[in-house]
PDB file of N, CA and C in Angstrom:
ATOM      1  N   MET A   1       1.932  45.932  36.314  1.00  0.00           N
ATOM      2  CA  MET A   1       1.708  44.574  35.841  1.00  0.00           C
ATOM      3  C   MET A   1       0.541  43.979  36.625  1.00  0.00           C
ATOM      4  N   LEU A   2      -0.393  43.362  35.894  1.00  0.00           N
ATOM      5  CA  LEU A   2      -1.594  42.828  36.521  1.00  0.00           C
ATOM      6  C   LEU A   2      -1.405  41.452  37.127  1.00  0.00           C
ATOM      7  N   ASP A   3      -0.511  40.661  36.605  1.00  0.00           N
ATOM      8  CA  ASP A   3      -0.291  39.298  37.078  1.00  0.00           C
ATOM      9  C   ASP A   3       1.127  39.188  37.621  1.00  0.00           C
ATOM     10  N   MET A   4       1.260  39.307  38.916  1.00  0.00           N
ATOM     11  CA  MET A   4       2.581  39.378  39.535  1.00  0.00           C
ATOM     12  C   MET A   4       3.331  38.045  39.503  1.00  0.00           C
ATOM     13  N   GLN A   5       2.625  36.907  39.352  1.00  0.00           N
ATOM     14  CA  GLN A   5       3.301  35.624  39.310  1.00  0.00           C
ATOM     15  C   GLN A   5       3.862  35.322  37.921  1.00  0.00           C
ATOM     16  N   LEU A   6       3.395  36.016  36.917  1.00  0.00           N
ATOM     17  CA  LEU A   6       3.853  35.780  35.552  1.00  0.00           C
ATOM     18  C   LEU A   6       5.182  36.484  35.342  1.00  0.00           C
ATOM     19  N   VAL A   7       6.227  35.704  35.126  1.00  0.00           N
ATOM     20  CA  VAL A   7       7.563  36.262  34.952  1.00  0.00           C
ATOM     21  C   VAL A   7       7.831  36.548  33.478  1.00  0.00           C
ATOM     22  N   ARG A   8       7.429  35.626  32.606  1.00  0.00           N
ATOM     23  CA  ARG A   8       7.710  35.753  31.186  1.00  0.00           C
ATOM     24  C   ARG A   8       6.514  35.230  30.403  1.00  0.00           C
ATOM     25  N   TYR A   9       6.190  35.916  29.322  1.00  0.00           N
ATOM     26  CA  TYR A   9       5.054  35.520  28.487  1.00  0.00           C
ATOM     27  C   TYR A   9       5.502  35.494  27.039  1.00  0.00           C
ATOM     28  N   VAL A  10       5.249  34.383  26.376  1.00  0.00           N
ATOM     29  CA  VAL A  10       5.617  34.226  24.970  1.00  0.00           C
ATOM     30  C   VAL A  10       4.351  33.851  24.215  1.00  0.00           C
ATOM     31  N   GLY A  11       3.989  34.655  23.232  1.00  0.00           N
ATOM     32  CA  GLY A  11       2.821  34.316  22.428  1.00  0.00           C
ATOM     33  C   GLY A  11       1.912  35.506  22.214  1.00  0.00           C
ATOM     34  N   LEU A  12       0.919  35.281  21.403  1.00  0.00           N
ATOM     35  CA  LEU A  12      -0.034  36.336  21.065  1.00  0.00           C
ATOM     36  C   LEU A  12      -1.465  35.925  21.374  1.00  0.00           C
ATOM     37  N   SER A  13      -1.656  34.961  22.252  1.00  0.00           N
ATOM     38  CA  SER A  13      -3.002  34.461  22.514  1.00  0.00           C
ATOM     39  C   SER A  13      -3.900  35.523  23.144  1.00  0.00           C
ATOM     40  N   GLY A  14      -3.332  36.418  23.926  1.00  0.00           N
ATOM     41  CA  GLY A  14      -4.136  37.499  24.497  1.00  0.00           C
ATOM     42  C   GLY A  14      -4.666  38.417  23.412  1.00  0.00           C
ATOM     43  N   VAL A  15      -3.811  38.758  22.466  1.00  0.00           N
ATOM     44  CA  VAL A  15      -4.227  39.582  21.333  1.00  0.00           C
ATOM     45  C   VAL A  15      -5.295  38.855  20.531  1.00  0.00           C
ATOM     46  N   LEU A  16      -5.104  37.570  20.338  1.00  0.00           N
ATOM     47  CA  LEU A  16      -6.064  36.763  19.586  1.00  0.00           C
ATOM     48  C   LEU A  16      -7.444  36.783  20.250  1.00  0.00           C
ATOM     49  N   HIS A  17      -7.482  36.698  21.567  1.00  0.00           N
ATOM     50  CA  HIS A  17      -8.766  36.729  22.272  1.00  0.00           C
ATOM     51  C   HIS A  17      -9.438  38.098  22.139  1.00  0.00           C
ATOM     52  N   GLY A  18      -8.651  39.161  22.160  1.00  0.00           N
ATOM     53  CA  GLY A  18      -9.218  40.486  21.919  1.00  0.00           C
ATOM     54  C   GLY A  18      -9.795  40.596  20.523  1.00  0.00           C
ATOM     55  N   LEU A  19      -9.083  40.055  19.540  1.00  0.00           N
ATOM     56  CA  LEU A  19      -9.573  40.078  18.159  1.00  0.00           C
ATOM     57  C   LEU A  19     -10.828  39.228  18.001  1.00  0.00           C
ATOM     58  N   PHE A  20     -10.919  38.124  18.740  1.00  0.00           N
ATOM     59  CA  PHE A  20     -12.138  37.314  18.697  1.00  0.00           C
ATOM     60  C   PHE A  20     -13.350  38.100  19.199  1.00  0.00           C
ATOM     61  N   ILE A  21     -13.163  38.895  20.254  1.00  0.00           N
ATOM     62  CA  ILE A  21     -14.272  39.703  20.772  1.00  0.00           C
ATOM     63  C   ILE A  21     -14.680  40.763  19.753  1.00  0.00           C
ATOM     64  N   ILE A  22     -13.706  41.402  19.153  1.00  0.00           N
ATOM     65  CA  ILE A  22     -14.011  42.410  18.126  1.00  0.00           C
ATOM     66  C   ILE A  22     -14.706  41.743  16.944  1.00  0.00           C
ATOM     67  N   GLY A  23     -14.221  40.581  16.535  1.00  0.00           N
ATOM     68  CA  GLY A  23     -14.843  39.848  15.440  1.00  0.00           C
ATOM     69  C   GLY A  23     -16.257  39.406  15.767  1.00  0.00           C
ATOM     70  N   ALA A  24     -16.480  39.006  17.014  1.00  0.00           N
ATOM     71  CA  ALA A  24     -17.834  38.610  17.422  1.00  0.00           C
ATOM     72  C   ALA A  24     -18.779  39.798  17.344  1.00  0.00           C
ATOM     73  N   ARG A  25     -18.307  40.968  17.707  1.00  0.00           N
ATOM     74  CA  ARG A  25     -19.152  42.174  17.619  1.00  0.00           C
ATOM     75  C   ARG A  25     -19.470  42.502  16.163  1.00  0.00           C
ATOM     76  N   TRP A  26     -18.487  42.418  15.301  1.00  0.00           N
ATOM     77  CA  TRP A  26     -18.718  42.669  13.877  1.00  0.00           C
ATOM     78  C   TRP A  26     -19.692  41.633  13.308  1.00  0.00           C
ATOM     79  N   GLU A  27     -19.537  40.393  13.741  1.00  0.00           N
ATOM     80  CA  GLU A  27     -20.431  39.333  13.281  1.00  0.00           C
ATOM     81  C   GLU A  27     -21.865  39.591  13.762  1.00  0.00           C
ATOM     82  N   LEU A  28     -22.005  40.089  14.983  1.00  0.00           N
ATOM     83  CA  LEU A  28     -23.330  40.414  15.522  1.00  0.00           C
ATOM     84  C   LEU A  28     -24.045  41.475  14.692  1.00  0.00           C
ATOM     85  N   LYS A  29     -23.285  42.393  14.118  1.00  0.00           N
ATOM     86  CA  LYS A  29     -23.890  43.447  13.299  1.00  0.00           C
ATOM     87  C   LYS A  29     -24.492  42.885  12.015  1.00  0.00           C
ATOM     88  N   ARG A  30     -23.960  41.763  11.513  1.00  0.00           N
ATOM     89  CA  ARG A  30     -24.386  41.229  10.221  1.00  0.00           C
ATOM     90  C   ARG A  30     -25.220  39.963  10.356  1.00  0.00           C
ATOM     91  N   TYR A  31     -24.760  39.054  11.195  1.00  0.00           N
ATOM     92  CA  TYR A  31     -25.410  37.749  11.352  1.00  0.00           C
ATOM     93  C   TYR A  31     -25.603  37.480  12.836  1.00  0.00           C
ATOM     94  N   ASN A  32     -26.786  37.733  13.299  1.00  0.00           N
ATOM     95  CA  ASN A  32     -27.063  37.708  14.729  1.00  0.00           C
ATOM     96  C   ASN A  32     -26.751  36.358  15.373  1.00  0.00           C
ATOM     97  N   LEU A  33     -27.225  35.273  14.796  1.00  0.00           N
ATOM     98  CA  LEU A  33     -27.061  33.969  15.430  1.00  0.00           C
ATOM     99  C   LEU A  33     -25.592  33.565  15.549  1.00  0.00           C
ATOM    100  N   SER A  34     -24.845  33.642  14.458  1.00  0.00           N
ATOM    101  CA  SER A  34     -23.437  33.243  14.522  1.00  0.00           C
ATOM    102  C   SER A  34     -22.624  34.197  15.402  1.00  0.00           C
ATOM    103  N   GLY A  35     -23.019  35.470  15.455  1.00  0.00           N
ATOM    104  CA  GLY A  35     -22.346  36.412  16.337  1.00  0.00           C
ATOM    105  C   GLY A  35     -22.556  36.069  17.801  1.00  0.00           C
ATOM    106  N   VAL A  36     -23.779  35.707  18.146  1.00  0.00           N
ATOM    107  CA  VAL A  36     -24.086  35.309  19.526  1.00  0.00           C
ATOM    108  C   VAL A  36     -23.329  34.037  19.884  1.00  0.00           C
ATOM    109  N   VAL A  37     -23.305  33.073  18.966  1.00  0.00           N
ATOM    110  CA  VAL A  37     -22.588  31.819  19.224  1.00  0.00           C
ATOM    111  C   VAL A  37     -21.102  32.085  19.441  1.00  0.00           C
ATOM    112  N   LEU A  38     -20.499  32.876  18.577  1.00  0.00           N
ATOM    113  CA  LEU A  38     -19.070  33.202  18.725  1.00  0.00           C
ATOM    114  C   LEU A  38     -18.799  33.922  20.037  1.00  0.00           C
ATOM    115  N   LEU A  39     -19.642  34.882  20.376  1.00  0.00           N
ATOM    116  CA  LEU A  39     -19.480  35.623  21.627  1.00  0.00           C
ATOM    117  C   LEU A  39     -19.602  34.699  22.838  1.00  0.00           C
ATOM    118  N   LEU A  40     -20.600  33.831  22.843  1.00  0.00           N
ATOM    119  CA  LEU A  40     -20.777  32.897  23.960  1.00  0.00           C
ATOM    120  C   LEU A  40     -19.607  31.931  24.075  1.00  0.00           C
ATOM    121  N   LEU A  41     -19.100  31.467  22.935  1.00  0.00           N
ATOM    122  CA  LEU A  41     -17.972  30.538  22.970  1.00  0.00           C
ATOM    123  C   LEU A  41     -16.717  31.179  23.552  1.00  0.00           C
ATOM    124  N   ILE A  42     -16.379  32.369  23.106  1.00  0.00           N
ATOM    125  CA  ILE A  42     -15.131  32.984  23.567  1.00  0.00           C
ATOM    126  C   ILE A  42     -15.243  33.428  25.029  1.00  0.00           C
ATOM    127  N   VAL A  43     -16.388  33.996  25.408  1.00  0.00           N
ATOM    128  CA  VAL A  43     -16.579  34.395  26.814  1.00  0.00           C
ATOM    129  C   VAL A  43     -16.646  33.160  27.706  1.00  0.00           C
ATOM    130  N   GLY A  44     -17.349  32.131  27.253  1.00  0.00           N
ATOM    131  CA  GLY A  44     -17.427  30.889  28.026  1.00  0.00           C
ATOM    132  C   GLY A  44     -16.066  30.246  28.212  1.00  0.00           C
ATOM    133  N   LYS A  45     -15.242  30.266  27.173  1.00  0.00           N
ATOM    134  CA  LYS A  45     -13.890  29.710  27.255  1.00  0.00           C
ATOM    135  C   LYS A  45     -13.054  30.453  28.287  1.00  0.00           C
ATOM    136  N   VAL A  46     -13.123  31.772  28.270  1.00  0.00           N
ATOM    137  CA  VAL A  46     -12.331  32.566  29.216  1.00  0.00           C
ATOM    138  C   VAL A  46     -12.834  32.350  30.644  1.00  0.00           C
ATOM    139  N   ILE A  47     -14.144  32.272  30.828  1.00  0.00           N
ATOM    140  CA  ILE A  47     -14.696  31.992  32.169  1.00  0.00           C
ATOM    141  C   ILE A  47     -14.234  30.613  32.636  1.00  0.00           C
ATOM    142  N   TRP A  48     -14.320  29.609  31.752  1.00  0.00           N
ATOM    143  CA  TRP A  48     -13.851  28.257  32.084  1.00  0.00           C
ATOM    144  C   TRP A  48     -12.397  28.302  32.554  1.00  0.00           C
ATOM    145  N   GLU A  49     -11.556  29.007  31.789  1.00  0.00           N
ATOM    146  CA  GLU A  49     -10.135  29.067  32.118  1.00  0.00           C
ATOM    147  C   GLU A  49      -9.897  29.759  33.457  1.00  0.00           C
ATOM    148  N   GLN A  50     -10.683  30.755  33.783  1.00  0.00           N
ATOM    149  CA  GLN A  50     -10.508  31.450  35.055  1.00  0.00           C
ATOM    150  C   GLN A  50     -10.896  30.558  36.235  1.00  0.00           C
ATOM    151  N   ILE A  51     -11.851  29.657  36.020  1.00  0.00           N
ATOM    152  CA  ILE A  51     -12.308  28.778  37.100  1.00  0.00           C
ATOM    153  C   ILE A  51     -11.484  27.495  37.170  1.00  0.00           C
ATOM    154  N   ASN A  52     -11.231  26.874  36.009  1.00  0.00           N
ATOM    155  CA  ASN A  52     -10.645  25.541  35.967  1.00  0.00           C
ATOM    156  C   ASN A  52      -9.219  25.480  35.431  1.00  0.00           C
ATOM    157  N   GLY A  53      -8.695  26.579  34.932  1.00  0.00           N
ATOM    158  CA  GLY A  53      -7.368  26.563  34.326  1.00  0.00           C
ATOM    159  C   GLY A  53      -7.468  26.322  32.827  1.00  0.00           C
ATOM    160  N   ALA A  54      -6.345  26.093  32.219  1.00  0.00           N
ATOM    161  CA  ALA A  54      -6.279  25.937  30.761  1.00  0.00           C
ATOM    162  C   ALA A  54      -7.139  24.759  30.303  1.00  0.00           C
ATOM    163  N   LEU A  55      -7.654  24.881  29.095  1.00  0.00           N
ATOM    164  CA  LEU A  55      -8.446  23.796  28.511  1.00  0.00           C
ATOM    165  C   LEU A  55      -7.594  22.541  28.396  1.00  0.00           C
ATOM    166  N   PRO A  56      -8.205  21.372  28.585  1.00  0.00           N
ATOM    167  CA  PRO A  56      -7.435  20.127  28.455  1.00  0.00           C
ATOM    168  C   PRO A  56      -6.784  20.022  27.080  1.00  0.00           C
ATOM    169  N   GLY A  57      -5.523  19.694  27.080  1.00  0.00           N
ATOM    170  CA  GLY A  57      -4.779  19.516  25.841  1.00  0.00           C
ATOM    171  C   GLY A  57      -4.110  20.766  25.307  1.00  0.00           C
ATOM    172  N   SER A  58      -4.494  21.938  25.821  1.00  0.00           N
ATOM    173  CA  SER A  58      -3.928  23.171  25.266  1.00  0.00           C
ATOM    174  C   SER A  58      -2.466  23.361  25.651  1.00  0.00           C
ATOM    175  N   GLU A  59      -2.071  22.898  26.825  1.00  0.00           N
ATOM    176  CA  GLU A  59      -0.674  23.034  27.227  1.00  0.00           C
ATOM    177  C   GLU A  59       0.224  22.091  26.426  1.00  0.00           C
ATOM    178  N   SER A  60      -0.260  20.894  26.145  1.00  0.00           N
ATOM    179  CA  SER A  60       0.557  19.973  25.343  1.00  0.00           C
ATOM    180  C   SER A  60       0.624  20.441  23.893  1.00  0.00           C
ATOM    181  N   MET A  61      -0.462  21.070  23.403  1.00  0.00           N
ATOM    182  CA  MET A  61      -0.451  21.582  22.036  1.00  0.00           C
ATOM    183  C   MET A  61       0.476  22.780  21.887  1.00  0.00           C
ATOM    184  N   SER A  62       0.492  23.658  22.898  1.00  0.00           N
ATOM    185  CA  SER A  62       1.304  24.872  22.794  1.00  0.00           C
ATOM    186  C   SER A  62       2.759  24.640  23.196  1.00  0.00           C
ATOM    187  N   GLY A  63       3.013  23.545  23.874  1.00  0.00           N
ATOM    188  CA  GLY A  63       4.387  23.233  24.261  1.00  0.00           C
ATOM    189  C   GLY A  63       4.842  23.932  25.523  1.00  0.00           C
ATOM    190  N   GLY A  64       3.922  24.424  26.313  1.00  0.00           N
ATOM    191  CA  GLY A  64       4.283  25.092  27.565  1.00  0.00           C
ATOM    192  C   GLY A  64       3.049  25.462  28.360  1.00  0.00           C
ATOM    193  N   LYS A  65       3.272  26.117  29.459  1.00  0.00           N
ATOM    194  CA  LYS A  65       2.176  26.537  30.328  1.00  0.00           C
ATOM    195  C   LYS A  65       1.367  27.643  29.641  1.00  0.00           C
ATOM    196  N   VAL A  66       0.043  27.572  29.772  1.00  0.00           N
ATOM    197  CA  VAL A  66      -0.841  28.566  29.164  1.00  0.00           C
ATOM    198  C   VAL A  66      -1.107  29.675  30.185  1.00  0.00           C
ATOM    199  N   ALA A  67      -0.887  30.910  29.783  1.00  0.00           N
ATOM    200  CA  ALA A  67      -1.159  32.070  30.643  1.00  0.00           C
ATOM    201  C   ALA A  67      -2.619  32.479  30.444  1.00  0.00           C
ATOM    202  N   VAL A  68      -3.518  31.845  31.207  1.00  0.00           N
ATOM    203  CA  VAL A  68      -4.947  32.074  30.996  1.00  0.00           C
ATOM    204  C   VAL A  68      -5.348  33.523  31.300  1.00  0.00           C
ATOM    205  N   ASN A  69      -4.608  34.196  32.173  1.00  0.00           N
ATOM    206  CA  ASN A  69      -4.928  35.596  32.451  1.00  0.00           C
ATOM    207  C   ASN A  69      -4.676  36.482  31.235  1.00  0.00           C
ATOM    208  N   ALA A  70      -3.733  36.087  30.377  1.00  0.00           N
ATOM    209  CA  ALA A  70      -3.501  36.838  29.138  1.00  0.00           C
ATOM    210  C   ALA A  70      -4.744  36.808  28.266  1.00  0.00           C
ATOM    211  N   HIS A  71      -5.466  35.696  28.275  1.00  0.00           N
ATOM    212  CA  HIS A  71      -6.699  35.588  27.507  1.00  0.00           C
ATOM    213  C   HIS A  71      -7.757  36.538  28.067  1.00  0.00           C
ATOM    214  N   LEU A  72      -7.846  36.602  29.386  1.00  0.00           N
ATOM    215  CA  LEU A  72      -8.790  37.519  30.028  1.00  0.00           C
ATOM    216  C   LEU A  72      -8.435  38.966  29.724  1.00  0.00           C
ATOM    217  N   TYR A  73      -7.154  39.305  29.818  1.00  0.00           N
ATOM    218  CA  TYR A  73      -6.737  40.684  29.555  1.00  0.00           C
ATOM    219  C   TYR A  73      -6.962  41.056  28.088  1.00  0.00           C
ATOM    220  N   GLY A  74      -6.730  40.106  27.182  1.00  0.00           N
ATOM    221  CA  GLY A  74      -6.992  40.359  25.771  1.00  0.00           C
ATOM    222  C   GLY A  74      -8.467  40.584  25.513  1.00  0.00           C
ATOM    223  N   LEU A  75      -9.314  39.774  26.134  1.00  0.00           N
ATOM    224  CA  LEU A  75     -10.758  39.946  26.011  1.00  0.00           C
ATOM    225  C   LEU A  75     -11.178  41.328  26.508  1.00  0.00           C
ATOM    226  N   MET A  76     -10.652  41.720  27.660  1.00  0.00           N
ATOM    227  CA  MET A  76     -10.994  43.038  28.218  1.00  0.00           C
ATOM    228  C   MET A  76     -10.480  44.158  27.318  1.00  0.00           C
ATOM    229  N   ALA A  77      -9.300  43.995  26.733  1.00  0.00           N
ATOM    230  CA  ALA A  77      -8.769  45.011  25.821  1.00  0.00           C
ATOM    231  C   ALA A  77      -9.653  45.136  24.587  1.00  0.00           C
ATOM    232  N   GLY A  78     -10.152  44.015  24.079  1.00  0.00           N
ATOM    233  CA  GLY A  78     -11.078  44.048  22.955  1.00  0.00           C
ATOM    234  C   GLY A  78     -12.357  44.782  23.306  1.00  0.00           C
ATOM    235  N   LEU A  79     -12.857  44.566  24.513  1.00  0.00           N
ATOM    236  CA  LEU A  79     -14.059  45.277  24.964  1.00  0.00           C
ATOM    237  C   LEU A  79     -13.816  46.775  25.096  1.00  0.00           C
ATOM    238  N   VAL A  80     -12.655  47.146  25.606  1.00  0.00           N
ATOM    239  CA  VAL A  80     -12.308  48.571  25.720  1.00  0.00           C
ATOM    240  C   VAL A  80     -12.210  49.196  24.330  1.00  0.00           C
ATOM    241  N   TYR A  81     -11.597  48.492  23.396  1.00  0.00           N
ATOM    242  CA  TYR A  81     -11.521  48.984  22.021  1.00  0.00           C
ATOM    243  C   TYR A  81     -12.916  49.227  21.448  1.00  0.00           C
ATOM    244  N   LEU A  82     -13.810  48.266  21.649  1.00  0.00           N
ATOM    245  CA  LEU A  82     -15.178  48.415  21.141  1.00  0.00           C
ATOM    246  C   LEU A  82     -15.896  49.578  21.815  1.00  0.00           C
ATOM    247  N   LEU A  83     -15.701  49.739  23.113  1.00  0.00           N
ATOM    248  CA  LEU A  83     -16.313  50.859  23.832  1.00  0.00           C
ATOM    249  C   LEU A  83     -15.843  52.187  23.259  1.00  0.00           C
ATOM    250  N   ILE A  84     -14.557  52.291  23.034  1.00  0.00           N
ATOM    251  CA  ILE A  84     -14.014  53.546  22.499  1.00  0.00           C
ATOM    252  C   ILE A  84     -14.508  53.798  21.079  1.00  0.00           C
ATOM    253  N   THR A  85     -14.406  52.795  20.214  1.00  0.00           N
ATOM    254  CA  THR A  85     -14.730  53.013  18.806  1.00  0.00           C
ATOM    255  C   THR A  85     -16.226  53.122  18.535  1.00  0.00           C
ATOM    256  N   GLU A  86     -17.050  52.496  19.373  1.00  0.00           N
ATOM    257  CA  GLU A  86     -18.490  52.506  19.096  1.00  0.00           C
ATOM    258  C   GLU A  86     -19.268  53.491  19.962  1.00  0.00           C
ATOM    259  N   LYS A  87     -18.762  53.861  21.105  1.00  0.00           N
ATOM    260  CA  LYS A  87     -19.520  54.735  22.011  1.00  0.00           C
ATOM    261  C   LYS A  87     -18.866  56.098  22.217  1.00  0.00           C
ATOM    262  N   ILE A  88     -17.587  56.111  22.526  1.00  0.00           N
ATOM    263  CA  ILE A  88     -16.921  57.358  22.900  1.00  0.00           C
ATOM    264  C   ILE A  88     -16.509  58.165  21.675  1.00  0.00           C
ATOM    265  N   TYR A  89     -15.791  57.545  20.744  1.00  0.00           N
ATOM    266  CA  TYR A  89     -15.274  58.258  19.576  1.00  0.00           C
ATOM    267  C   TYR A  89     -16.384  58.861  18.718  1.00  0.00           C
ATOM    268  N   PRO A  90     -17.476  58.148  18.420  1.00  0.00           N
ATOM    269  CA  PRO A  90     -18.548  58.769  17.623  1.00  0.00           C
ATOM    270  C   PRO A  90     -19.157  60.003  18.287  1.00  0.00           C
ATOM    271  N   LYS A  91     -19.244  60.004  19.601  1.00  0.00           N
ATOM    272  CA  LYS A  91     -19.784  61.170  20.314  1.00  0.00           C
ATOM    273  C   LYS A  91     -18.838  62.358  20.214  1.00  0.00           C
ATOM    274  N   LEU A  92     -17.537  62.096  20.202  1.00  0.00           N
ATOM    275  CA  LEU A  92     -16.569  63.184  20.061  1.00  0.00           C
ATOM    276  C   LEU A  92     -16.642  63.814  18.670  1.00  0.00           C
ATOM    277  N   LEU A  93     -16.925  62.981  17.669  1.00  0.00           N
ATOM    278  CA  LEU A  93     -17.019  63.486  16.306  1.00  0.00           C
ATOM    279  C   LEU A  93     -18.243  64.374  16.083  1.00  0.00           C
ATOM    280  N   HIS A  94     -19.303  64.136  16.819  1.00  0.00           N
ATOM    281  CA  HIS A  94     -20.561  64.830  16.599  1.00  0.00           C
ATOM    282  C   HIS A  94     -20.812  65.938  17.628  1.00  0.00           C
ATOM    283  N   ARG A  95     -19.782  66.525  18.122  1.00  0.00           N
ATOM    284  CA  ARG A  95     -19.930  67.618  19.101  1.00  0.00           C
ATOM    285  C   ARG A  95     -20.367  68.863  18.434  1.00  0.00           C
TER     286      ARG A  95
END
């Protein structure tokens, strides 16, 4: 377990952040400007959360404490997925 203080986690926000990174990459392939904007927004949000904690209002909207590290882990999982599917797997196919 990466976050030893986290006892219980309810939600899919980490998965959502990973999907946002994958979506930003797909968007970059088709529409450069909107892909860059989406990528900067999601990475900037996660950096903000790591420095300052949850975004203002997000805890009251979600009805509980926000596990900001889940967002970071989801983002990293999305990056690992992209690395595997775009760099490693294609090389294995063309051996």
